[in-house]
């Protein structure tokens, strides 16, 4: 089985991880718990060793699900989770909070739900503008010293925040969106990560299903599907953005792979320290995604994909306004 190492000192993991959010929220009705436990264990059987969750997914349900499913193989997998949101007494998300006391409380909850003594990779889910990142990194550093966390990660953090955190405690990985559908990290983020020896974990590497080739101009997104709220999936934008999929399909047909496999293979070819975490709840889609690690793209294929993703002007913002406000710049 191929492996990759996150950054210079991070964990060694499978070349593709598994994003687990969709097993609890954001993509329609929550599937039966027993089916997802079986699915997660099947992913391990197929060689996946890197699993991504967060306390806010559900909230809390996803960590409980992942913890139960992976408890029998805990020593064989790398668990990543996230803190950084605040909740009311009913468990409803109310905003962001990375106060040191809240970080410590979140970690205790995550350890309990994940059925583990140590979190392998702990991300700040979103930057808290009211708490200096130095305090956040310092608090996680104390948790590392206590043996409750192994590695610090950041999510959707800007270059300045990354540098300030890294100066206090080594940042092992950054998680942010990156794909042929969204290449903004190439301008400043990726060079900074290369300089500092930090790994990169792209979420939504398939553009929330857009780059699978399964979304069409007639696709609709029902209740509970986050794509129904996203500008890029609005009717006119969706129709325009499909031009990118058509160009990726040209390469896919030539190399004998699916559109999704080519999109993931392109990501894997960018840097050896990039580990995408496509999410799925279906075994056939998981098998397809994992097959991307075996897709070989020639230099001319990569160049053609680069041209395609720059020539097609993607329509629509990445997030609705309320979500966009949480992104650190």
C-alpha atoms as a PDB file:
ATOM      1  CA  UNK A   1       0.000   0.000   0.000  1.00  0.00           C
ATOM      2  CA  UNK A   2       1.316   3.442  -0.893  1.00  0.00           C
ATOM      3  CA  UNK A   3       1.805   5.949   1.910  1.00  0.00           C
ATOM      4  CA  UNK A   4       2.427   9.658   2.333  1.00  0.00           C
ATOM      5  CA  UNK A   5       3.827  11.697   5.213  1.00  0.00           C
ATOM      6  CA  UNK A   6       2.143  14.909   6.282  1.00  0.00           C
ATOM      7  CA  UNK A   7       4.888  17.515   6.351  1.00  0.00           C
ATOM      8  CA  UNK A   8       8.365  16.802   7.638  1.00  0.00           C
ATOM      9  CA  UNK A   9       7.406  15.393  11.038  1.00  0.00           C
ATOM     10  CA  UNK A  10       3.779  14.353  10.650  1.00  0.00           C
ATOM     11  CA  UNK A  11       2.126  10.949  10.580  1.00  0.00           C
ATOM     12  CA  UNK A  12       2.456   8.525   7.680  1.00  0.00           C
ATOM     13  CA  UNK A  13      -0.940   7.802   6.173  1.00  0.00           C
ATOM     14  CA  UNK A  14      -2.659   6.340   3.137  1.00  0.00           C
ATOM     15  CA  UNK A  15      -2.404   8.614   0.060  1.00  0.00           C
ATOM     16  CA  UNK A  16      -6.127   9.332   0.326  1.00  0.00           C
ATOM     17  CA  UNK A  17      -7.933   9.709   3.604  1.00  0.00           C
ATOM     18  CA  UNK A  18     -11.657   9.599   4.259  1.00  0.00           C
ATOM     19  CA  UNK A  19     -13.689  12.673   5.128  1.00  0.00           C
ATOM     20  CA  UNK A  20     -16.435  11.485   7.453  1.00  0.00           C
ATOM     21  CA  UNK A  21     -18.644  14.593   7.758  1.00  0.00           C
ATOM     22  CA  UNK A  22     -21.252  13.413   5.247  1.00  0.00           C
ATOM     23  CA  UNK A  23     -22.037  10.391   7.400  1.00  0.00           C
ATOM     24  CA  UNK A  24     -23.659  12.748   9.899  1.00  0.00           C
ATOM     25  CA  UNK A  25     -24.734  15.899   8.069  1.00  0.00           C
ATOM     26  CA  UNK A  26     -24.739  18.183   5.017  1.00  0.00           C
ATOM     27  CA  UNK A  27     -25.641  15.714   2.284  1.00  0.00           C
ATOM     28  CA  UNK A  28     -29.239  14.748   2.918  1.00  0.00           C
ATOM     29  CA  UNK A  29     -30.673  12.336   5.444  1.00  0.00           C
ATOM     30  CA  UNK A  30     -28.288  10.741   7.910  1.00  0.00           C
ATOM     31  CA  UNK A  31     -27.771   7.085   6.945  1.00  0.00           C
ATOM     32  CA  UNK A  32     -28.291   4.256   9.460  1.00  0.00           C
ATOM     33  CA  UNK A  33     -25.528   4.082  12.050  1.00  0.00           C
ATOM     34  CA  UNK A  34     -24.844   0.369  11.607  1.00  0.00           C
ATOM     35  CA  UNK A  35     -24.379   0.837   7.862  1.00  0.00           C
ATOM     36  CA  UNK A  36     -21.800   3.565   8.422  1.00  0.00           C
ATOM     37  CA  UNK A  37     -19.923   1.501  10.994  1.00  0.00           C
ATOM     38  CA  UNK A  38     -19.710  -1.326   8.460  1.00  0.00           C
ATOM     39  CA  UNK A  39     -18.629   1.179   5.812  1.00  0.00           C
ATOM     40  CA  UNK A  40     -15.852   2.681   7.964  1.00  0.00           C
ATOM     41  CA  UNK A  41     -14.475  -0.752   8.770  1.00  0.00           C
ATOM     42  CA  UNK A  42     -14.575  -1.659   5.082  1.00  0.00           C
ATOM     43  CA  UNK A  43     -12.506   1.445   4.369  1.00  0.00           C
ATOM     44  CA  UNK A  44      -9.850   0.168   6.781  1.00  0.00           C
ATOM     45  CA  UNK A  45      -9.915  -3.216   5.056  1.00  0.00           C
ATOM     46  CA  UNK A  46      -9.227  -1.396   1.767  1.00  0.00           C
ATOM     47  CA  UNK A  47      -6.139   0.317   3.164  1.00  0.00           C
ATOM     48  CA  UNK A  48      -7.445   3.680   4.355  1.00  0.00           C
ATOM     49  CA  UNK A  49      -5.554   4.749   7.480  1.00  0.00           C
ATOM     50  CA  UNK A  50      -6.490   8.450   7.751  1.00  0.00           C
ATOM     51  CA  UNK A  51      -9.941   9.468   8.991  1.00  0.00           C
ATOM     52  CA  UNK A  52     -11.220  13.021   9.380  1.00  0.00           C
ATOM     53  CA  UNK A  53     -13.984  14.107  11.745  1.00  0.00           C
ATOM     54  CA  UNK A  54     -14.876  17.066  13.999  1.00  0.00           C
ATOM     55  CA  UNK A  55     -16.880  17.761  17.132  1.00  0.00           C
ATOM     56  CA  UNK A  56     -19.205  20.054  15.161  1.00  0.00           C
ATOM     57  CA  UNK A  57     -20.196  17.330  12.681  1.00  0.00           C
ATOM     58  CA  UNK A  58     -23.615  16.343  13.929  1.00  0.00           C
ATOM     59  CA  UNK A  59     -22.728  17.988  16.305  1.00  0.00           C
ATOM     60  CA  UNK A  60     -20.887  15.245  18.186  1.00  0.00           C
ATOM     61  CA  UNK A  61     -22.549  12.353  16.309  1.00  0.00           C
ATOM     62  CA  UNK A  62     -19.705  11.941  13.837  1.00  0.00           C
ATOM     63  CA  UNK A  63     -16.984  11.555  16.440  1.00  0.00           C
ATOM     64  CA  UNK A  64     -19.106   8.975  18.260  1.00  0.00           C
ATOM     65  CA  UNK A  65     -19.658   7.078  15.016  1.00  0.00           C
ATOM     66  CA  UNK A  66     -15.994   7.129  14.022  1.00  0.00           C
ATOM     67  CA  UNK A  67     -14.905   6.210  17.535  1.00  0.00           C
ATOM     68  CA  UNK A  68     -17.176   3.176  17.694  1.00  0.00           C
ATOM     69  CA  UNK A  69     -16.315   1.986  14.194  1.00  0.00           C
ATOM     70  CA  UNK A  70     -12.559   2.289  14.536  1.00  0.00           C
ATOM     71  CA  UNK A  71     -12.064   1.269  18.159  1.00  0.00           C
ATOM     72  CA  UNK A  72     -11.110  -2.319  17.167  1.00  0.00           C
ATOM     73  CA  UNK A  73      -8.353  -1.005  14.855  1.00  0.00           C
ATOM     74  CA  UNK A  74      -7.373   2.138  16.749  1.00  0.00           C
ATOM     75  CA  UNK A  75      -3.640   1.389  16.618  1.00  0.00           C
ATOM     76  CA  UNK A  76      -3.746   0.995  12.828  1.00  0.00           C
ATOM     77  CA  UNK A  77      -5.347   4.338  11.934  1.00  0.00           C
ATOM     78  CA  UNK A  78      -4.676   8.059  12.247  1.00  0.00           C
ATOM     79  CA  UNK A  79      -7.590  10.035  13.688  1.00  0.00           C
ATOM     80  CA  UNK A  80      -7.967  13.725  12.945  1.00  0.00           C
ATOM     81  CA  UNK A  81     -10.604  15.871  14.613  1.00  0.00           C
ATOM     82  CA  UNK A  82     -11.267  19.579  15.141  1.00  0.00           C
ATOM     83  CA  UNK A  83     -12.232  22.083  17.812  1.00  0.00           C
ATOM     84  CA  UNK A  84     -13.178  25.719  17.502  1.00  0.00           C
ATOM     85  CA  UNK A  85     -16.954  26.105  17.529  1.00  0.00           C
ATOM     86  CA  UNK A  86     -19.096  27.103  20.486  1.00  0.00           C
ATOM     87  CA  UNK A  87     -22.345  25.358  21.439  1.00  0.00           C
ATOM     88  CA  UNK A  88     -25.319  26.169  23.636  1.00  0.00           C
ATOM     89  CA  UNK A  89     -26.702  23.829  26.289  1.00  0.00           C
ATOM     90  CA  UNK A  90     -28.747  22.024  23.635  1.00  0.00           C
ATOM     91  CA  UNK A  91     -25.664  21.323  21.522  1.00  0.00           C
ATOM     92  CA  UNK A  92     -26.524  23.898  18.870  1.00  0.00           C
ATOM     93  CA  UNK A  93     -23.610  25.710  17.257  1.00  0.00           C
ATOM     94  CA  UNK A  94     -23.539  29.359  18.299  1.00  0.00           C
ATOM     95  CA  UNK A  95     -20.294  30.701  16.853  1.00  0.00           C
ATOM     96  CA  UNK A  96     -16.560  30.163  17.166  1.00  0.00           C
ATOM     97  CA  UNK A  97     -14.446  29.885  20.294  1.00  0.00           C
ATOM     98  CA  UNK A  98     -10.822  28.922  20.730  1.00  0.00           C
ATOM     99  CA  UNK A  99     -10.352  30.120  24.275  1.00  0.00           C
ATOM    100  CA  UNK A 100      -7.852  27.850  26.028  1.00  0.00           C
ATOM    101  CA  UNK A 101     -10.490  26.531  28.435  1.00  0.00           C
ATOM    102  CA  UNK A 102     -12.794  25.719  25.538  1.00  0.00           C
ATOM    103  CA  UNK A 103     -10.008  23.933  23.657  1.00  0.00           C
ATOM    104  CA  UNK A 104      -9.269  21.744  26.668  1.00  0.00           C
ATOM    105  CA  UNK A 105     -12.948  20.949  27.179  1.00  0.00           C
ATOM    106  CA  UNK A 106     -13.371  20.123  23.481  1.00  0.00           C
ATOM    107  CA  UNK A 107     -10.408  17.756  23.576  1.00  0.00           C
ATOM    108  CA  UNK A 108     -11.776  15.906  26.589  1.00  0.00           C
ATOM    109  CA  UNK A 109     -15.082  15.457  24.785  1.00  0.00           C
ATOM    110  CA  UNK A 110     -13.404  14.314  21.582  1.00  0.00           C
ATOM    111  CA  UNK A 111     -11.223  11.799  23.417  1.00  0.00           C
ATOM    112  CA  UNK A 112     -14.308  10.320  25.055  1.00  0.00           C
ATOM    113  CA  UNK A 113     -16.351  10.149  21.858  1.00  0.00           C
ATOM    114  CA  UNK A 114     -13.458   8.785  19.798  1.00  0.00           C
ATOM    115  CA  UNK A 115     -12.724   6.132  22.450  1.00  0.00           C
ATOM    116  CA  UNK A 116      -9.047   6.938  22.489  1.00  0.00           C
ATOM    117  CA  UNK A 117      -6.367   8.295  24.806  1.00  0.00           C
ATOM    118  CA  UNK A 118      -4.697  10.452  22.157  1.00  0.00           C
ATOM    119  CA  UNK A 119      -5.868  12.481  19.170  1.00  0.00           C
ATOM    120  CA  UNK A 120      -3.379  12.025  16.347  1.00  0.00           C
ATOM    121  CA  UNK A 121      -4.071  15.337  14.595  1.00  0.00           C
ATOM    122  CA  UNK A 122      -6.037  18.157  16.213  1.00  0.00           C
ATOM    123  CA  UNK A 123      -7.120  21.047  13.999  1.00  0.00           C
ATOM    124  CA  UNK A 124      -8.435  24.450  14.929  1.00  0.00           C
ATOM    125  CA  UNK A 125     -11.557  24.249  12.759  1.00  0.00           C
ATOM    126  CA  UNK A 126     -11.847  27.976  12.106  1.00  0.00           C
ATOM    127  CA  UNK A 127      -9.648  30.837  13.275  1.00  0.00           C
ATOM    128  CA  UNK A 128     -11.137  32.729  16.226  1.00  0.00           C
ATOM    129  CA  UNK A 129     -10.515  36.448  15.679  1.00  0.00           C
ATOM    130  CA  UNK A 130     -10.912  37.102  19.412  1.00  0.00           C
ATOM    131  CA  UNK A 131      -8.184  34.710  20.566  1.00  0.00           C
ATOM    132  CA  UNK A 132      -4.533  35.199  19.533  1.00  0.00           C
ATOM    133  CA  UNK A 133      -3.350  32.230  17.512  1.00  0.00           C
ATOM    134  CA  UNK A 134      -0.285  32.121  19.757  1.00  0.00           C
ATOM    135  CA  UNK A 135      -2.570  31.241  22.681  1.00  0.00           C
ATOM    136  CA  UNK A 136      -4.235  28.538  20.601  1.00  0.00           C
ATOM    137  CA  UNK A 137      -0.937  26.978  19.527  1.00  0.00           C
ATOM    138  CA  UNK A 138       0.409  27.212  23.056  1.00  0.00           C
ATOM    139  CA  UNK A 139      -2.630  25.462  24.503  1.00  0.00           C
ATOM    140  CA  UNK A 140      -2.439  22.642  21.973  1.00  0.00           C
ATOM    141  CA  UNK A 141       1.289  22.414  22.694  1.00  0.00           C
ATOM    142  CA  UNK A 142       0.447  21.803  26.346  1.00  0.00           C
ATOM    143  CA  UNK A 143      -1.980  19.076  25.303  1.00  0.00           C
ATOM    144  CA  UNK A 144       0.774  17.510  23.195  1.00  0.00           C
ATOM    145  CA  UNK A 145       3.100  17.562  26.196  1.00  0.00           C
ATOM    146  CA  UNK A 146       0.362  15.916  28.256  1.00  0.00           C
ATOM    147  CA  UNK A 147       0.049  13.112  25.701  1.00  0.00           C
ATOM    148  CA  UNK A 148      -3.552  13.921  24.760  1.00  0.00           C
ATOM    149  CA  UNK A 149      -2.680  15.198  21.261  1.00  0.00           C
ATOM    150  CA  UNK A 150       0.113  14.256  18.876  1.00  0.00           C
ATOM    151  CA  UNK A 151       0.012  16.973  16.205  1.00  0.00           C
ATOM    152  CA  UNK A 152      -1.404  20.478  15.733  1.00  0.00           C
ATOM    153  CA  UNK A 153      -3.312  21.375  12.587  1.00  0.00           C
ATOM    154  CA  UNK A 154      -5.108  24.458  11.276  1.00  0.00           C
ATOM    155  CA  UNK A 155      -8.091  24.713   8.921  1.00  0.00           C
ATOM    156  CA  UNK A 156      -8.854  27.531   6.486  1.00  0.00           C
ATOM    157  CA  UNK A 157      -6.068  29.635   8.032  1.00  0.00           C
ATOM    158  CA  UNK A 158      -4.231  32.382   6.173  1.00  0.00           C
ATOM    159  CA  UNK A 159      -0.474  32.664   5.720  1.00  0.00           C
ATOM    160  CA  UNK A 160       0.041  35.110   8.577  1.00  0.00           C
ATOM    161  CA  UNK A 161      -1.866  32.908  11.012  1.00  0.00           C
ATOM    162  CA  UNK A 162       0.031  29.817   9.917  1.00  0.00           C
ATOM    163  CA  UNK A 163       3.392  31.496  10.491  1.00  0.00           C
ATOM    164  CA  UNK A 164       2.439  32.867  13.899  1.00  0.00           C
ATOM    165  CA  UNK A 165       1.111  29.508  15.098  1.00  0.00           C
ATOM    166  CA  UNK A 166       4.112  27.623  13.748  1.00  0.00           C
ATOM    167  CA  UNK A 167       6.472  29.934  15.648  1.00  0.00           C
ATOM    168  CA  UNK A 168       4.880  28.811  18.928  1.00  0.00           C
ATOM    169  CA  UNK A 169       4.269  25.115  18.219  1.00  0.00           C
ATOM    170  CA  UNK A 170       4.979  23.190  15.003  1.00  0.00           C
ATOM    171  CA  UNK A 171       1.971  23.010  12.709  1.00  0.00           C
ATOM    172  CA  UNK A 172       1.849  19.557  11.134  1.00  0.00           C
ATOM    173  CA  UNK A 173      -0.953  20.054   8.604  1.00  0.00           C
ATOM    174  CA  UNK A 174      -3.266  22.625   7.117  1.00  0.00           C
ATOM    175  CA  UNK A 175      -6.722  21.580   5.978  1.00  0.00           C
ATOM    176  CA  UNK A 176      -8.396  23.783   3.386  1.00  0.00           C
ATOM    177  CA  UNK A 177     -10.342  23.392   0.184  1.00  0.00           C
ATOM    178  CA  UNK A 178      -8.259  22.649  -2.914  1.00  0.00           C
ATOM    179  CA  UNK A 179      -9.164  21.066  -6.235  1.00  0.00           C
ATOM    180  CA  UNK A 180      -9.352  21.739  -9.953  1.00  0.00           C
ATOM    181  CA  UNK A 181     -12.513  23.627  -8.935  1.00  0.00           C
ATOM    182  CA  UNK A 182     -10.699  25.872  -6.392  1.00  0.00           C
ATOM    183  CA  UNK A 183      -6.986  26.639  -6.829  1.00  0.00           C
ATOM    184  CA  UNK A 184      -6.539  29.710  -4.675  1.00  0.00           C
ATOM    185  CA  UNK A 185      -4.144  27.936  -2.229  1.00  0.00           C
ATOM    186  CA  UNK A 186      -1.501  27.804  -4.965  1.00  0.00           C
ATOM    187  CA  UNK A 187      -0.823  31.544  -4.760  1.00  0.00           C
ATOM    188  CA  UNK A 188       0.448  31.834  -1.176  1.00  0.00           C
ATOM    189  CA  UNK A 189      -0.597  28.851   0.938  1.00  0.00           C
ATOM    190  CA  UNK A 190       1.259  26.043  -0.824  1.00  0.00           C
ATOM    191  CA  UNK A 191       4.601  27.922  -1.019  1.00  0.00           C
ATOM    192  CA  UNK A 192       4.337  28.713   2.688  1.00  0.00           C
ATOM    193  CA  UNK A 193       3.607  25.096   3.592  1.00  0.00           C
ATOM    194  CA  UNK A 194       6.562  23.924   1.488  1.00  0.00           C
ATOM    195  CA  UNK A 195       8.846  26.421   3.205  1.00  0.00           C
ATOM    196  CA  UNK A 196       7.760  25.425   6.709  1.00  0.00           C
ATOM    197  CA  UNK A 197       7.491  21.668   6.123  1.00  0.00           C
ATOM    198  CA  UNK A 198       3.731  21.516   6.755  1.00  0.00           C
ATOM    199  CA  UNK A 199       1.487  18.939   5.107  1.00  0.00           C
ATOM    200  CA  UNK A 200      -1.700  19.836   3.230  1.00  0.00           C
ATOM    201  CA  UNK A 201      -5.033  18.053   3.550  1.00  0.00           C
ATOM    202  CA  UNK A 202      -7.484  19.226   0.868  1.00  0.00           C
ATOM    203  CA  UNK A 203     -11.131  18.876   1.794  1.00  0.00           C
ATOM    204  CA  UNK A 204     -13.787  18.832  -0.930  1.00  0.00           C
ATOM    205  CA  UNK A 205     -11.133  17.615  -3.413  1.00  0.00           C
ATOM    206  CA  UNK A 206     -13.976  16.676  -5.753  1.00  0.00           C
ATOM    207  CA  UNK A 207     -15.779  19.994  -5.414  1.00  0.00           C
ATOM    208  CA  UNK A 208     -18.547  18.480  -3.239  1.00  0.00           C
ATOM    209  CA  UNK A 209     -19.277  15.919  -5.919  1.00  0.00           C
ATOM    210  CA  UNK A 210     -19.023  18.327  -8.823  1.00  0.00           C
ATOM    211  CA  UNK A 211     -15.817  16.747 -10.143  1.00  0.00           C
ATOM    212  CA  UNK A 212     -17.175  13.207 -10.065  1.00  0.00           C
ATOM    213  CA  UNK A 213     -18.950  13.781 -13.352  1.00  0.00           C
ATOM    214  CA  UNK A 214     -22.232  12.709 -11.721  1.00  0.00           C
ATOM    215  CA  UNK A 215     -23.625  16.241 -11.321  1.00  0.00           C
ATOM    216  CA  UNK A 216     -25.507  17.586 -14.349  1.00  0.00           C
ATOM    217  CA  UNK A 217     -27.254  20.818 -15.292  1.00  0.00           C
ATOM    218  CA  UNK A 218     -30.502  19.172 -14.196  1.00  0.00           C
ATOM    219  CA  UNK A 219     -29.259  18.057 -10.770  1.00  0.00           C
ATOM    220  CA  UNK A 220     -31.254  19.232  -7.778  1.00  0.00           C
ATOM    221  CA  UNK A 221     -30.193  19.283  -4.151  1.00  0.00           C
ATOM    222  CA  UNK A 222     -32.811  18.492  -1.565  1.00  0.00           C
ATOM    223  CA  UNK A 223     -33.420  19.321   2.058  1.00  0.00           C
ATOM    224  CA  UNK A 224     -30.346  18.883   4.208  1.00  0.00           C
ATOM    225  CA  UNK A 225     -27.949  19.044   1.248  1.00  0.00           C
ATOM    226  CA  UNK A 226     -25.481  21.869   1.803  1.00  0.00           C
ATOM    227  CA  UNK A 227     -25.054  22.345  -1.942  1.00  0.00           C
ATOM    228  CA  UNK A 228     -28.549  23.825  -2.106  1.00  0.00           C
ATOM    229  CA  UNK A 229     -27.153  26.865  -0.268  1.00  0.00           C
ATOM    230  CA  UNK A 230     -23.929  27.271  -2.237  1.00  0.00           C
ATOM    231  CA  UNK A 231     -23.666  29.829  -5.040  1.00  0.00           C
ATOM    232  CA  UNK A 232     -21.595  27.535  -7.265  1.00  0.00           C
ATOM    233  CA  UNK A 233     -24.478  25.058  -7.421  1.00  0.00           C
ATOM    234  CA  UNK A 234     -27.159  27.569  -8.331  1.00  0.00           C
ATOM    235  CA  UNK A 235     -28.784  26.747 -11.665  1.00  0.00           C
ATOM    236  CA  UNK A 236     -26.979  29.210 -13.961  1.00  0.00           C
ATOM    237  CA  UNK A 237     -23.613  28.816 -12.261  1.00  0.00           C
ATOM    238  CA  UNK A 238     -23.893  25.034 -12.316  1.00  0.00           C
ATOM    239  CA  UNK A 239     -24.571  24.958 -16.039  1.00  0.00           C
ATOM    240  CA  UNK A 240     -21.580  27.207 -16.746  1.00  0.00           C
ATOM    241  CA  UNK A 241     -19.218  25.314 -14.452  1.00  0.00           C
ATOM    242  CA  UNK A 242     -19.892  21.988 -16.146  1.00  0.00           C
ATOM    243  CA  UNK A 243     -17.559  23.137 -18.920  1.00  0.00           C
ATOM    244  CA  UNK A 244     -14.686  22.284 -16.572  1.00  0.00           C
ATOM    245  CA  UNK A 245     -15.983  18.754 -16.067  1.00  0.00           C
ATOM    246  CA  UNK A 246     -16.200  18.253 -19.822  1.00  0.00           C
ATOM    247  CA  UNK A 247     -12.525  19.165 -20.188  1.00  0.00           C
ATOM    248  CA  UNK A 248     -11.486  16.859 -17.336  1.00  0.00           C
ATOM    249  CA  UNK A 249     -13.514  14.069 -18.942  1.00  0.00           C
ATOM    250  CA  UNK A 250     -11.417  14.395 -22.095  1.00  0.00           C
ATOM    251  CA  UNK A 251      -8.309  13.482 -20.102  1.00  0.00           C
ATOM    252  CA  UNK A 252     -10.172  10.795 -18.156  1.00  0.00           C
ATOM    253  CA  UNK A 253     -11.303   9.058 -21.326  1.00  0.00           C
ATOM    254  CA  UNK A 254      -7.774   9.133 -22.680  1.00  0.00           C
ATOM    255  CA  UNK A 255      -6.162   7.557 -19.592  1.00  0.00           C
ATOM    256  CA  UNK A 256      -8.980   5.100 -18.930  1.00  0.00           C
ATOM    257  CA  UNK A 257     -10.110   6.532 -15.605  1.00  0.00           C
ATOM    258  CA  UNK A 258     -13.179   8.262 -14.218  1.00  0.00           C
ATOM    259  CA  UNK A 259     -13.507  12.033 -13.993  1.00  0.00           C
ATOM    260  CA  UNK A 260     -13.238  11.853 -10.214  1.00  0.00           C
ATOM    261  CA  UNK A 261     -10.126   9.687 -10.335  1.00  0.00           C
ATOM    262  CA  UNK A 262      -8.393  12.143 -12.645  1.00  0.00           C
ATOM    263  CA  UNK A 263      -9.323  15.079 -10.405  1.00  0.00           C
ATOM    264  CA  UNK A 264      -7.842  13.274  -7.392  1.00  0.00           C
ATOM    265  CA  UNK A 265      -4.780  12.080  -9.307  1.00  0.00           C
ATOM    266  CA  UNK A 266      -4.123  15.684 -10.345  1.00  0.00           C
ATOM    267  CA  UNK A 267      -4.127  16.698  -6.681  1.00  0.00           C
ATOM    268  CA  UNK A 268      -1.809  13.855  -5.696  1.00  0.00           C
ATOM    269  CA  UNK A 269       0.607  14.926  -8.429  1.00  0.00           C
ATOM    270  CA  UNK A 270       0.952  18.460  -7.072  1.00  0.00           C
ATOM    271  CA  UNK A 271       3.076  17.585  -4.020  1.00  0.00           C
ATOM    272  CA  UNK A 272       4.043  14.371  -2.185  1.00  0.00           C
ATOM    273  CA  UNK A 273       2.847  15.893   1.113  1.00  0.00           C
ATOM    274  CA  UNK A 274      -0.725  16.466  -0.085  1.00  0.00           C
ATOM    275  CA  UNK A 275      -3.308  13.979   1.234  1.00  0.00           C
ATOM    276  CA  UNK A 276      -6.869  14.611  -0.024  1.00  0.00           C
ATOM    277  CA  UNK A 277      -9.825  13.471   2.074  1.00  0.00           C
ATOM    278  CA  UNK A 278     -12.772  12.887  -0.276  1.00  0.00           C
ATOM    279  CA  UNK A 279     -15.939  12.046   1.577  1.00  0.00           C
ATOM    280  CA  UNK A 280     -18.390   9.350   0.598  1.00  0.00           C
ATOM    281  CA  UNK A 281     -20.878   6.935   2.129  1.00  0.00           C
ATOM    282  CA  UNK A 282     -20.873   4.378  -0.687  1.00  0.00           C
ATOM    283  CA  UNK A 283     -18.417   1.527  -1.160  1.00  0.00           C
ATOM    284  CA  UNK A 284     -18.413   1.784  -4.940  1.00  0.00           C
ATOM    285  CA  UNK A 285     -17.486   5.457  -4.717  1.00  0.00           C
ATOM    286  CA  UNK A 286     -14.825   4.712  -2.098  1.00  0.00           C
ATOM    287  CA  UNK A 287     -13.275   2.085  -4.367  1.00  0.00           C
ATOM    288  CA  UNK A 288     -13.321   4.530  -7.257  1.00  0.00           C
ATOM    289  CA  UNK A 289     -11.651   7.239  -5.189  1.00  0.00           C
ATOM    290  CA  UNK A 290      -8.936   4.928  -3.873  1.00  0.00           C
ATOM    291  CA  UNK A 291      -8.195   3.860  -7.438  1.00  0.00           C
ATOM    292  CA  UNK A 292      -6.999   7.404  -8.122  1.00  0.00           C
ATOM    293  CA  UNK A 293      -3.736   6.585  -6.361  1.00  0.00           C
ATOM    294  CA  UNK A 294      -2.929   4.213  -9.227  1.00  0.00           C
ATOM    295  CA  UNK A 295      -3.809   6.642 -12.035  1.00  0.00           C
ATOM    296  CA  UNK A 296      -0.679   7.863 -13.782  1.00  0.00           C
ATOM    297  CA  UNK A 297      -0.972  11.262 -15.428  1.00  0.00           C
ATOM    298  CA  UNK A 298       1.713  12.202 -17.938  1.00  0.00           C
ATOM    299  CA  UNK A 299       3.161  15.698 -18.044  1.00  0.00           C
ATOM    300  CA  UNK A 300       0.934  16.571 -20.976  1.00  0.00           C
ATOM    301  CA  UNK A 301      -2.145  15.341 -19.068  1.00  0.00           C
ATOM    302  CA  UNK A 302      -1.291  17.545 -16.097  1.00  0.00           C
ATOM    303  CA  UNK A 303      -0.656  20.504 -18.375  1.00  0.00           C
ATOM    304  CA  UNK A 304      -3.998  19.996 -20.093  1.00  0.00           C
ATOM    305  CA  UNK A 305      -5.799  19.867 -16.741  1.00  0.00           C
ATOM    306  CA  UNK A 306      -4.014  23.022 -15.614  1.00  0.00           C
ATOM    307  CA  UNK A 307      -5.144  24.807 -18.752  1.00  0.00           C
ATOM    308  CA  UNK A 308      -8.687  23.544 -18.374  1.00  0.00           C
ATOM    309  CA  UNK A 309      -9.051  24.790 -14.814  1.00  0.00           C
ATOM    310  CA  UNK A 310      -7.651  28.216 -15.665  1.00  0.00           C
ATOM    311  CA  UNK A 311      -9.534  28.682 -18.928  1.00  0.00           C
ATOM    312  CA  UNK A 312     -12.948  27.924 -17.420  1.00  0.00           C
ATOM    313  CA  UNK A 313     -14.009  30.844 -15.255  1.00  0.00           C
ATOM    314  CA  UNK A 314     -15.825  29.168 -12.367  1.00  0.00           C
ATOM    315  CA  UNK A 315     -19.102  30.924 -11.622  1.00  0.00           C
ATOM    316  CA  UNK A 316     -20.402  31.565  -8.107  1.00  0.00           C
ATOM    317  CA  UNK A 317     -18.736  32.116  -4.761  1.00  0.00           C
ATOM    318  CA  UNK A 318     -17.351  29.181  -2.829  1.00  0.00           C
ATOM    319  CA  UNK A 319     -19.531  29.784   0.230  1.00  0.00           C
ATOM    320  CA  UNK A 320     -22.674  31.742   1.083  1.00  0.00           C
ATOM    321  CA  UNK A 321     -21.898  35.012   2.856  1.00  0.00           C
ATOM    322  CA  UNK A 322     -22.362  33.777   6.427  1.00  0.00           C
ATOM    323  CA  UNK A 323     -19.905  30.902   5.941  1.00  0.00           C
ATOM    324  CA  UNK A 324     -17.419  33.051   4.020  1.00  0.00           C
ATOM    325  CA  UNK A 325     -17.044  35.338   7.043  1.00  0.00           C
ATOM    326  CA  UNK A 326     -15.385  32.489   8.946  1.00  0.00           C
ATOM    327  CA  UNK A 327     -12.460  32.203   6.512  1.00  0.00           C
ATOM    328  CA  UNK A 328      -9.162  33.634   7.740  1.00  0.00           C
ATOM    329  CA  UNK A 329      -7.205  35.770   5.299  1.00  0.00           C
END
